[in-house]
Amino acid sequence: MSQAPLYPSSVALPGTLTLAPILTALALAGCAASPNQPTGVIDITVKPGDTGTCESTPCQVKLVMPPGKGTYEVTGNEVRVGTFPAGQTVALGGYWQSQKFAIVGAGVPPVYVYIPADR
Protein backbone atom coordinates (compact mmCIF):
# COMPACT_ATOMS: atom_id res chain seq x y z
CA MET A 1 0.00 0.00 0.00
CA SER A 2 1.51 3.36 -0.94
CA GLN A 3 1.30 6.35 1.29
CA ALA A 4 0.60 9.90 0.20
CA PRO A 5 3.70 12.13 0.34
CA LEU A 6 4.06 14.33 3.41
CA TYR A 7 4.53 17.37 1.23
CA PRO A 8 2.68 17.77 -2.03
CA SER A 9 4.92 18.12 -5.05
CA SER A 10 5.06 21.57 -6.56
CA VAL A 11 3.03 22.02 -9.65
CA ALA A 12 4.38 24.39 -12.26
CA LEU A 13 1.84 26.81 -13.56
CA PRO A 14 1.99 27.91 -17.17
CA GLY A 15 4.44 30.79 -17.57
CA THR A 16 6.16 30.43 -14.19
CA LEU A 17 9.34 29.01 -15.66
CA THR A 18 9.72 32.03 -17.93
CA LEU A 19 8.66 34.56 -15.30
CA ALA A 20 11.52 33.86 -12.86
CA PRO A 21 14.34 34.79 -15.29
CA ILE A 22 12.49 37.95 -16.28
CA LEU A 23 12.07 39.04 -12.66
CA THR A 24 15.75 38.28 -11.97
CA ALA A 25 16.82 40.36 -14.96
CA LEU A 26 14.66 43.28 -13.82
CA ALA A 27 16.10 43.11 -10.30
CA LEU A 28 19.66 43.13 -11.66
CA ALA A 29 18.86 46.03 -13.98
CA GLY A 30 17.60 47.99 -10.97
CA CYS A 31 20.92 47.43 -9.23
CA ALA A 32 22.86 48.54 -12.29
CA ALA A 33 20.84 51.77 -12.45
CA SER A 34 21.64 52.77 -8.87
CA PRO A 35 23.93 55.76 -8.24
CA ASN A 36 27.66 55.31 -8.40
CA GLN A 37 29.40 54.60 -5.08
CA PRO A 38 33.09 55.44 -5.51
CA THR A 39 35.63 54.89 -2.75
CA GLY A 40 39.07 56.32 -2.21
CA VAL A 41 41.98 56.60 0.17
CA ILE A 42 43.49 60.09 0.52
CA ASP A 43 41.41 61.36 -2.43
CA ILE A 44 38.15 60.66 -4.22
CA THR A 45 36.60 61.76 -7.50
CA VAL A 46 32.80 62.05 -7.55
CA LYS A 47 30.10 63.26 -9.93
CA PRO A 48 26.51 64.44 -9.39
CA GLY A 49 24.37 61.72 -7.79
CA ASP A 50 27.32 59.82 -6.29
CA THR A 51 27.54 58.66 -2.69
CA GLY A 52 31.22 58.08 -2.05
CA THR A 53 33.38 57.04 0.86
CA CYS A 54 36.89 58.30 1.52
CA GLU A 55 38.83 56.00 3.85
CA SER A 56 41.16 58.60 5.37
CA THR A 57 41.27 62.14 6.69
CA PRO A 58 41.84 64.64 5.35
CA CYS A 59 40.27 63.60 2.07
CA GLN A 60 41.00 65.49 -1.15
CA VAL A 61 37.73 65.74 -3.07
CA LYS A 62 37.54 66.19 -6.83
CA LEU A 63 34.20 66.85 -8.50
CA VAL A 64 33.24 66.20 -12.12
CA MET A 65 31.18 69.25 -12.97
CA PRO A 66 28.08 68.82 -15.16
CA PRO A 67 28.27 69.94 -18.79
CA GLY A 68 27.10 73.39 -19.71
CA LYS A 69 28.36 76.88 -20.35
CA GLY A 70 30.00 79.18 -17.88
CA THR A 71 30.43 78.36 -14.21
CA TYR A 72 28.49 76.89 -11.31
CA GLU A 73 28.71 77.64 -7.61
CA VAL A 74 29.44 74.61 -5.43
CA THR A 75 28.46 74.39 -1.77
CA GLY A 76 29.58 71.87 0.85
CA ASN A 77 27.19 71.39 3.77
CA GLU A 78 25.48 74.61 2.62
CA VAL A 79 28.71 76.66 2.80
CA ARG A 80 30.11 78.15 -0.41
CA VAL A 81 33.16 76.22 -1.64
CA GLY A 82 33.72 78.20 -4.83
CA THR A 83 32.73 78.79 -8.44
CA PHE A 84 33.97 76.28 -11.00
CA PRO A 85 33.79 75.83 -14.80
CA ALA A 86 31.15 73.52 -16.29
CA GLY A 87 32.35 70.26 -17.80
CA GLN A 88 35.65 70.12 -15.89
CA THR A 89 36.97 67.95 -13.06
CA VAL A 90 37.79 70.38 -10.27
CA ALA A 91 39.59 70.10 -6.93
CA LEU A 92 37.32 71.16 -4.06
CA GLY A 93 39.97 70.83 -1.36
CA GLY A 94 40.74 68.65 1.65
CA TYR A 95 37.96 67.71 4.09
CA TRP A 96 37.99 66.26 7.61
CA GLN A 97 34.22 65.71 7.85
CA SER A 98 31.50 64.17 5.69
CA GLN A 99 30.08 66.57 3.12
CA LYS A 100 27.00 67.08 1.02
CA PHE A 101 28.05 68.96 -2.11
CA ALA A 102 25.46 70.80 -4.18
CA ILE A 103 25.98 72.37 -7.58
CA VAL A 104 23.76 75.44 -7.42
CA GLY A 105 21.54 76.03 -10.44
CA ALA A 106 22.71 72.97 -12.40
CA GLY A 107 19.58 70.89 -11.75
CA VAL A 108 21.63 67.81 -10.81
CA PRO A 109 21.44 65.65 -7.68
CA PRO A 110 23.81 66.39 -4.79
CA VAL A 111 27.00 64.47 -4.05
CA TYR A 112 27.57 62.84 -0.68
CA VAL A 113 31.08 62.06 0.52
CA TYR A 114 31.44 60.15 3.78
CA ILE A 115 34.71 60.73 5.61
CA PRO A 116 35.58 58.84 8.79
CA ALA A 117 35.93 60.80 12.00
CA ASP A 118 39.56 61.09 13.06
CA ARG A 119 39.99 59.11 16.28
C-alpha atoms as a PDB file:
ATOM      1  CA  MET A   1       0.000   0.000   0.000  1.00  0.00           C
ATOM      2  CA  SER A   2       1.512   3.365  -0.943  1.00  0.00           C
ATOM      3  CA  GLN A   3       1.296   6.352   1.289  1.00  0.00           C
ATOM      4  CA  ALA A   4       0.604   9.898   0.197  1.00  0.00           C
ATOM      5  CA  PRO A   5       3.702  12.133   0.343  1.00  0.00           C
ATOM      6  CA  LEU A   6       4.061  14.330   3.410  1.00  0.00           C
ATOM      7  CA  TYR A   7       4.529  17.375   1.226  1.00  0.00           C
ATOM      8  CA  PRO A   8       2.676  17.773  -2.032  1.00  0.00           C
ATOM      9  CA  SER A   9       4.924  18.125  -5.048  1.00  0.00           C
ATOM     10  CA  SER A  10       5.063  21.566  -6.560  1.00  0.00           C
ATOM     11  CA  VAL A  11       3.031  22.025  -9.653  1.00  0.00           C
ATOM     12  CA  ALA A  12       4.385  24.395 -12.262  1.00  0.00           C
ATOM     13  CA  LEU A  13       1.837  26.815 -13.560  1.00  0.00           C
ATOM     14  CA  PRO A  14       1.991  27.910 -17.170  1.00  0.00           C
ATOM     15  CA  GLY A  15       4.438  30.785 -17.568  1.00  0.00           C
ATOM     16  CA  THR A  16       6.158  30.429 -14.185  1.00  0.00           C
ATOM     17  CA  LEU A  17       9.335  29.014 -15.656  1.00  0.00           C
ATOM     18  CA  THR A  18       9.719  32.027 -17.928  1.00  0.00           C
ATOM     19  CA  LEU A  19       8.655  34.561 -15.301  1.00  0.00           C
ATOM     20  CA  ALA A  20      11.521  33.855 -12.862  1.00  0.00           C
ATOM     21  CA  PRO A  21      14.341  34.789 -15.288  1.00  0.00           C
ATOM     22  CA  ILE A  22      12.487  37.947 -16.283  1.00  0.00           C
ATOM     23  CA  LEU A  23      12.073  39.038 -12.660  1.00  0.00           C
ATOM     24  CA  THR A  24      15.746  38.283 -11.974  1.00  0.00           C
ATOM     25  CA  ALA A  25      16.825  40.356 -14.964  1.00  0.00           C
ATOM     26  CA  LEU A  26      14.662  43.279 -13.824  1.00  0.00           C
ATOM     27  CA  ALA A  27      16.100  43.105 -10.301  1.00  0.00           C
ATOM     28  CA  LEU A  28      19.656  43.134 -11.660  1.00  0.00           C
ATOM     29  CA  ALA A  29      18.858  46.028 -13.976  1.00  0.00           C
ATOM     30  CA  GLY A  30      17.598  47.993 -10.970  1.00  0.00           C
ATOM     31  CA  CYS A  31      20.924  47.433  -9.228  1.00  0.00           C
ATOM     32  CA  ALA A  32      22.856  48.544 -12.288  1.00  0.00           C
ATOM     33  CA  ALA A  33      20.836  51.766 -12.447  1.00  0.00           C
ATOM     34  CA  SER A  34      21.636  52.767  -8.866  1.00  0.00           C
ATOM     35  CA  PRO A  35      23.928  55.761  -8.242  1.00  0.00           C
ATOM     36  CA  ASN A  36      27.663  55.309  -8.397  1.00  0.00           C
ATOM     37  CA  GLN A  37      29.405  54.599  -5.078  1.00  0.00           C
ATOM     38  CA  PRO A  38      33.087  55.440  -5.513  1.00  0.00           C
ATOM     39  CA  THR A  39      35.630  54.887  -2.745  1.00  0.00           C
ATOM     40  CA  GLY A  40      39.069  56.315  -2.209  1.00  0.00           C
ATOM     41  CA  VAL A  41      41.982  56.601   0.173  1.00  0.00           C
ATOM     42  CA  ILE A  42      43.491  60.088   0.516  1.00  0.00           C
ATOM     43  CA  ASP A  43      41.409  61.357  -2.429  1.00  0.00           C
ATOM     44  CA  ILE A  44      38.153  60.656  -4.217  1.00  0.00           C
ATOM     45  CA  THR A  45      36.599  61.763  -7.504  1.00  0.00           C
ATOM     46  CA  VAL A  46      32.804  62.053  -7.551  1.00  0.00           C
ATOM     47  CA  LYS A  47      30.102  63.260  -9.933  1.00  0.00           C
ATOM     48  CA  PRO A  48      26.513  64.441  -9.386  1.00  0.00           C
ATOM     49  CA  GLY A  49      24.374  61.722  -7.792  1.00  0.00           C
ATOM     50  CA  ASP A  50      27.320  59.818  -6.294  1.00  0.00           C
ATOM     51  CA  THR A  51      27.539  58.659  -2.693  1.00  0.00           C
ATOM     52  CA  GLY A  52      31.219  58.078  -2.052  1.00  0.00           C
ATOM     53  CA  THR A  53      33.378  57.038   0.855  1.00  0.00           C
ATOM     54  CA  CYS A  54      36.890  58.296   1.523  1.00  0.00           C
ATOM     55  CA  GLU A  55      38.830  56.000   3.847  1.00  0.00           C
ATOM     56  CA  SER A  56      41.158  58.604   5.366  1.00  0.00           C
ATOM     57  CA  THR A  57      41.275  62.143   6.694  1.00  0.00           C
ATOM     58  CA  PRO A  58      41.837  64.640   5.351  1.00  0.00           C
ATOM     59  CA  CYS A  59      40.271  63.599   2.067  1.00  0.00           C
ATOM     60  CA  GLN A  60      41.002  65.489  -1.147  1.00  0.00           C
ATOM     61  CA  VAL A  61      37.725  65.737  -3.066  1.00  0.00           C
ATOM     62  CA  LYS A  62      37.542  66.188  -6.834  1.00  0.00           C
ATOM     63  CA  LEU A  63      34.196  66.851  -8.499  1.00  0.00           C
ATOM     64  CA  VAL A  64      33.245  66.203 -12.125  1.00  0.00           C
ATOM     65  CA  MET A  65      31.177  69.251 -12.975  1.00  0.00           C
ATOM     66  CA  PRO A  66      28.076  68.822 -15.164  1.00  0.00           C
ATOM     67  CA  PRO A  67      28.272  69.941 -18.790  1.00  0.00           C
ATOM     68  CA  GLY A  68      27.102  73.386 -19.711  1.00  0.00           C
ATOM     69  CA  LYS A  69      28.363  76.878 -20.351  1.00  0.00           C
ATOM     70  CA  GLY A  70      29.996  79.181 -17.879  1.00  0.00           C
ATOM     71  CA  THR A  71      30.430  78.358 -14.213  1.00  0.00           C
ATOM     72  CA  TYR A  72      28.494  76.889 -11.309  1.00  0.00           C
ATOM     73  CA  GLU A  73      28.709  77.637  -7.612  1.00  0.00           C
ATOM     74  CA  VAL A  74      29.441  74.610  -5.430  1.00  0.00           C
ATOM     75  CA  THR A  75      28.456  74.388  -1.773  1.00  0.00           C
ATOM     76  CA  GLY A  76      29.577  71.872   0.846  1.00  0.00           C
ATOM     77  CA  ASN A  77      27.193  71.393   3.770  1.00  0.00           C
ATOM     78  CA  GLU A  78      25.483  74.611   2.619  1.00  0.00           C
ATOM     79  CA  VAL A  79      28.713  76.664   2.805  1.00  0.00           C
ATOM     80  CA  ARG A  80      30.105  78.148  -0.407  1.00  0.00           C
ATOM     81  CA  VAL A  81      33.160  76.216  -1.641  1.00  0.00           C
ATOM     82  CA  GLY A  82      33.719  78.201  -4.835  1.00  0.00           C
ATOM     83  CA  THR A  83      32.729  78.788  -8.441  1.00  0.00           C
ATOM     84  CA  PHE A  84      33.970  76.276 -11.000  1.00  0.00           C
ATOM     85  CA  PRO A  85      33.787  75.831 -14.802  1.00  0.00           C
ATOM     86  CA  ALA A  86      31.150  73.524 -16.290  1.00  0.00           C
ATOM     87  CA  GLY A  87      32.351  70.257 -17.803  1.00  0.00           C
ATOM     88  CA  GLN A  88      35.647  70.124 -15.892  1.00  0.00           C
ATOM     89  CA  THR A  89      36.970  67.949 -13.059  1.00  0.00           C
ATOM     90  CA  VAL A  90      37.788  70.380 -10.269  1.00  0.00           C
ATOM     91  CA  ALA A  91      39.588  70.097  -6.929  1.00  0.00           C
ATOM     92  CA  LEU A  92      37.318  71.158  -4.063  1.00  0.00           C
ATOM     93  CA  GLY A  93      39.971  70.829  -1.358  1.00  0.00           C
ATOM     94  CA  GLY A  94      40.741  68.645   1.650  1.00  0.00           C
ATOM     95  CA  TYR A  95      37.964  67.713   4.086  1.00  0.00           C
ATOM     96  CA  TRP A  96      37.988  66.263   7.607  1.00  0.00           C
ATOM     97  CA  GLN A  97      34.222  65.712   7.851  1.00  0.00           C
ATOM     98  CA  SER A  98      31.504  64.166   5.694  1.00  0.00           C
ATOM     99  CA  GLN A  99      30.080  66.566   3.117  1.00  0.00           C
ATOM    100  CA  LYS A 100      26.997  67.085   1.021  1.00  0.00           C
ATOM    101  CA  PHE A 101      28.049  68.960  -2.108  1.00  0.00           C
ATOM    102  CA  ALA A 102      25.460  70.802  -4.180  1.00  0.00           C
ATOM    103  CA  ILE A 103      25.982  72.371  -7.583  1.00  0.00           C
ATOM    104  CA  VAL A 104      23.765  75.440  -7.417  1.00  0.00           C
ATOM    105  CA  GLY A 105      21.539  76.027 -10.441  1.00  0.00           C
ATOM    106  CA  ALA A 106      22.710  72.967 -12.399  1.00  0.00           C
ATOM    107  CA  GLY A 107      19.580  70.892 -11.752  1.00  0.00           C
ATOM    108  CA  VAL A 108      21.630  67.815 -10.811  1.00  0.00           C
ATOM    109  CA  PRO A 109      21.437  65.651  -7.676  1.00  0.00           C
ATOM    110  CA  PRO A 110      23.810  66.393  -4.785  1.00  0.00           C
ATOM    111  CA  VAL A 111      27.000  64.469  -4.051  1.00  0.00           C
ATOM    112  CA  TYR A 112      27.567  62.836  -0.675  1.00  0.00           C
ATOM    113  CA  VAL A 113      31.083  62.059   0.516  1.00  0.00           C
ATOM    114  CA  TYR A 114      31.440  60.152   3.782  1.00  0.00           C
ATOM    115  CA  ILE A 115      34.708  60.730   5.606  1.00  0.00           C
ATOM    116  CA  PRO A 116      35.581  58.838   8.795  1.00  0.00           C
ATOM    117  CA  ALA A 117      35.927  60.803  12.000  1.00  0.00           C
ATOM    118  CA  ASP A 118      39.565  61.090  13.058  1.00  0.00           C
ATOM    119  CA  ARG A 119      39.989  59.115  16.283  1.00  0.00           C
END
